[in-house]
Structure formats: structure tokens, C-alpha cells
Amino acid sequence: MKKRIAGEMFRVLKDEGIILWYDFRYNNPKNPDVKGIEKKEIKALFPNCKYDFNLIILAPPIVRRLAPLSWFLCEILEIIPFLRTHYLVVISKK
């Protein structure tokens, strides 16, 4: 199904258009329905495209515990790439 959806997104994409892809990087250990996606899978869904991968969102469990105590500490931890749990990818035609 992912392949069909990605194919349709690409089909309707104008030459100067972009696709914004926002998704989880990691599986959620508490929710088996939440599956992460790897860079290579996103690239396989949109072959022959340009990609701008951005890691965003400090892991929500960390934010929930630390934000009430120190927003500044959350901002510092967000610098560490493996603690960012989501991709924001800008995909465009070559």
C-alpha cells in the first residue's frame, strides 16, 4: 500500500513541486501499530528524486518528563541526532 500511495503522490507532483514527508524514525515499543521507516525505504518509495532529510522532534517521553522542569534542557538534548524521533523530508523531482 505504501508503494501505491507514494506512486500516486509522485504521479501528481508537478515538476517544480515538492512532497513533504513527516514520519517516525523508530518503532514505538508501547504501540506495535506505530512503525518507524528508514531512509532507504523512503528513497525506495521515491526513486530518482532529490531528498532533504531533516531530523526533528525530541523524543516525546523525554519532553514529557523534562519540559516541566527545564525547557532549556530539552533544547540542548534536541541537538543530539539519535534523540530526534521523526523525519521531515522534502522530496522533489530531479
C-alpha atoms as a PDB file:
ATOM      1  CA  MET A   1       0.000   0.000   0.000  1.00  0.00           C
ATOM      2  CA  LYS A   2       2.881   2.412   0.792  1.00  0.00           C
ATOM      3  CA  LYS A   3       4.243   1.898  -2.699  1.00  0.00           C
ATOM      4  CA  ARG A   4       0.885   2.622  -4.333  1.00  0.00           C
ATOM      5  CA  ILE A   5       0.358   5.777  -2.274  1.00  0.00           C
ATOM      6  CA  ALA A   6       3.893   7.023  -2.964  1.00  0.00           C
ATOM      7  CA  GLY A   7       3.452   6.276  -6.669  1.00  0.00           C
ATOM      8  CA  GLU A   8       0.264   8.336  -6.798  1.00  0.00           C
ATOM      9  CA  MET A   9       1.904  11.193  -4.892  1.00  0.00           C
ATOM     10  CA  PHE A  10       4.750  11.206  -7.389  1.00  0.00           C
ATOM     11  CA  ARG A  11       2.374  10.959 -10.359  1.00  0.00           C
ATOM     12  CA  VAL A  12       0.501  14.128  -9.396  1.00  0.00           C
ATOM     13  CA  LEU A  13       3.659  16.021  -8.352  1.00  0.00           C
ATOM     14  CA  LYS A  14       4.391  18.981 -10.628  1.00  0.00           C
ATOM     15  CA  ASP A  15       7.949  19.366 -11.887  1.00  0.00           C
ATOM     16  CA  GLU A  16       8.528  22.326  -9.563  1.00  0.00           C
ATOM     17  CA  GLY A  17       6.511  20.822  -6.691  1.00  0.00           C
ATOM     18  CA  ILE A  18       7.607  19.090  -3.503  1.00  0.00           C
ATOM     19  CA  ILE A  19       6.373  16.314  -1.287  1.00  0.00           C
ATOM     20  CA  LEU A  20       6.703  16.851   2.460  1.00  0.00           C
ATOM     21  CA  TRP A  21       7.171  13.524   4.216  1.00  0.00           C
ATOM     22  CA  TYR A  22       6.783  13.502   8.006  1.00  0.00           C
ATOM     23  CA  ASP A  23       7.214  10.154   9.693  1.00  0.00           C
ATOM     24  CA  PHE A  24       8.589   8.182  12.640  1.00  0.00           C
ATOM     25  CA  ARG A  25      12.198   7.004  12.579  1.00  0.00           C
ATOM     26  CA  TYR A  26      11.722   4.396  15.310  1.00  0.00           C
ATOM     27  CA  ASN A  27       9.137   1.798  16.221  1.00  0.00           C
ATOM     28  CA  ASN A  28       7.116   2.637  19.321  1.00  0.00           C
ATOM     29  CA  PRO A  29       7.826  -0.107  21.878  1.00  0.00           C
ATOM     30  CA  LYS A  30       4.495   0.600  23.628  1.00  0.00           C
ATOM     31  CA  ASN A  31       2.402   0.594  20.469  1.00  0.00           C
ATOM     32  CA  PRO A  32       3.039  -2.185  17.923  1.00  0.00           C
ATOM     33  CA  ASP A  33       0.937  -0.313  15.330  1.00  0.00           C
ATOM     34  CA  VAL A  34       3.467   2.539  15.203  1.00  0.00           C
ATOM     35  CA  LYS A  35       6.286   1.518  12.865  1.00  0.00           C
ATOM     36  CA  GLY A  36       9.306   3.607  12.012  1.00  0.00           C
ATOM     37  CA  ILE A  37      10.611   3.995   8.486  1.00  0.00           C
ATOM     38  CA  GLU A  38      14.244   4.048   7.385  1.00  0.00           C
ATOM     39  CA  LYS A  39      15.843   6.475   4.950  1.00  0.00           C
ATOM     40  CA  LYS A  40      16.425   3.712   2.437  1.00  0.00           C
ATOM     41  CA  GLU A  41      12.721   2.815   2.403  1.00  0.00           C
ATOM     42  CA  ILE A  42      11.712   6.422   1.758  1.00  0.00           C
ATOM     43  CA  LYS A  43      14.265   6.581  -1.057  1.00  0.00           C
ATOM     44  CA  ALA A  44      12.925   3.301  -2.473  1.00  0.00           C
ATOM     45  CA  LEU A  45       9.375   4.698  -2.424  1.00  0.00           C
ATOM     46  CA  PHE A  46      10.509   7.757  -4.408  1.00  0.00           C
ATOM     47  CA  PRO A  47      13.329   6.610  -6.700  1.00  0.00           C
ATOM     48  CA  ASN A  48      15.195   9.117  -8.845  1.00  0.00           C
ATOM     49  CA  CYS A  49      14.235  12.046  -6.649  1.00  0.00           C
ATOM     50  CA  LYS A  50      16.105  14.628  -4.598  1.00  0.00           C
ATOM     51  CA  TYR A  51      15.767  14.352  -0.825  1.00  0.00           C
ATOM     52  CA  ASP A  52      16.433  16.766   2.009  1.00  0.00           C
ATOM     53  CA  PHE A  53      16.272  14.719   5.219  1.00  0.00           C
ATOM     54  CA  ASN A  54      15.798  16.609   8.472  1.00  0.00           C
ATOM     55  CA  LEU A  55      15.669  15.019  11.916  1.00  0.00           C
ATOM     56  CA  ILE A  56      13.128  16.731  14.132  1.00  0.00           C
ATOM     57  CA  ILE A  57      11.175  16.290  17.386  1.00  0.00           C
ATOM     58  CA  LEU A  58      12.939  15.416  20.607  1.00  0.00           C
ATOM     59  CA  ALA A  59      11.644  12.034  21.799  1.00  0.00           C
ATOM     60  CA  PRO A  60       8.216  12.763  23.346  1.00  0.00           C
ATOM     61  CA  PRO A  61       8.811  10.682  26.517  1.00  0.00           C
ATOM     62  CA  ILE A  62      11.880  12.828  27.228  1.00  0.00           C
ATOM     63  CA  VAL A  63       9.977  16.055  26.594  1.00  0.00           C
ATOM     64  CA  ARG A  64       7.066  14.994  28.815  1.00  0.00           C
ATOM     65  CA  ARG A  65       9.424  14.447  31.757  1.00  0.00           C
ATOM     66  CA  LEU A  66      11.875  17.310  31.268  1.00  0.00           C
ATOM     67  CA  ALA A  67       9.835  20.188  29.835  1.00  0.00           C
ATOM     68  CA  PRO A  68       8.035  20.993  33.120  1.00  0.00           C
ATOM     69  CA  LEU A  69      11.456  21.224  34.788  1.00  0.00           C
ATOM     70  CA  SER A  70      13.605  22.839  32.091  1.00  0.00           C
ATOM     71  CA  TRP A  71      12.687  23.810  28.552  1.00  0.00           C
ATOM     72  CA  PHE A  72      16.320  24.805  28.050  1.00  0.00           C
ATOM     73  CA  LEU A  73      17.481  21.242  28.791  1.00  0.00           C
ATOM     74  CA  CYS A  74      15.028  19.961  26.151  1.00  0.00           C
ATOM     75  CA  GLU A  75      16.544  22.330  23.600  1.00  0.00           C
ATOM     76  CA  ILE A  76      20.047  21.135  24.470  1.00  0.00           C
ATOM     77  CA  LEU A  77      19.072  17.457  24.154  1.00  0.00           C
ATOM     78  CA  GLU A  78      17.390  18.112  20.820  1.00  0.00           C
ATOM     79  CA  ILE A  79      20.858  18.774  19.383  1.00  0.00           C
ATOM     80  CA  ILE A  80      21.652  15.043  19.723  1.00  0.00           C
ATOM     81  CA  PRO A  81      20.502  13.413  16.447  1.00  0.00           C
ATOM     82  CA  PHE A  82      19.516   9.967  17.781  1.00  0.00           C
ATOM     83  CA  LEU A  83      17.136  11.616  20.273  1.00  0.00           C
ATOM     84  CA  ARG A  84      15.139  13.166  17.427  1.00  0.00           C
ATOM     85  CA  THR A  85      12.401  10.695  16.584  1.00  0.00           C
ATOM     86  CA  HIS A  86      10.909  11.954  13.322  1.00  0.00           C
ATOM     87  CA  TYR A  87      11.906  12.687   9.765  1.00  0.00           C
ATOM     88  CA  LEU A  88      10.785  15.722   7.860  1.00  0.00           C
ATOM     89  CA  VAL A  89      11.822  15.056   4.276  1.00  0.00           C
ATOM     90  CA  VAL A  90      11.479  17.398   1.335  1.00  0.00           C
ATOM     91  CA  ILE A  91      11.203  15.261  -1.801  1.00  0.00           C
ATOM     92  CA  SER A  92      11.363  16.731  -5.292  1.00  0.00           C
ATOM     93  CA  LYS A  93      11.825  15.574  -8.834  1.00  0.00           C
ATOM     94  CA  LYS A  94      15.365  15.615 -10.245  1.00  0.00           C
END
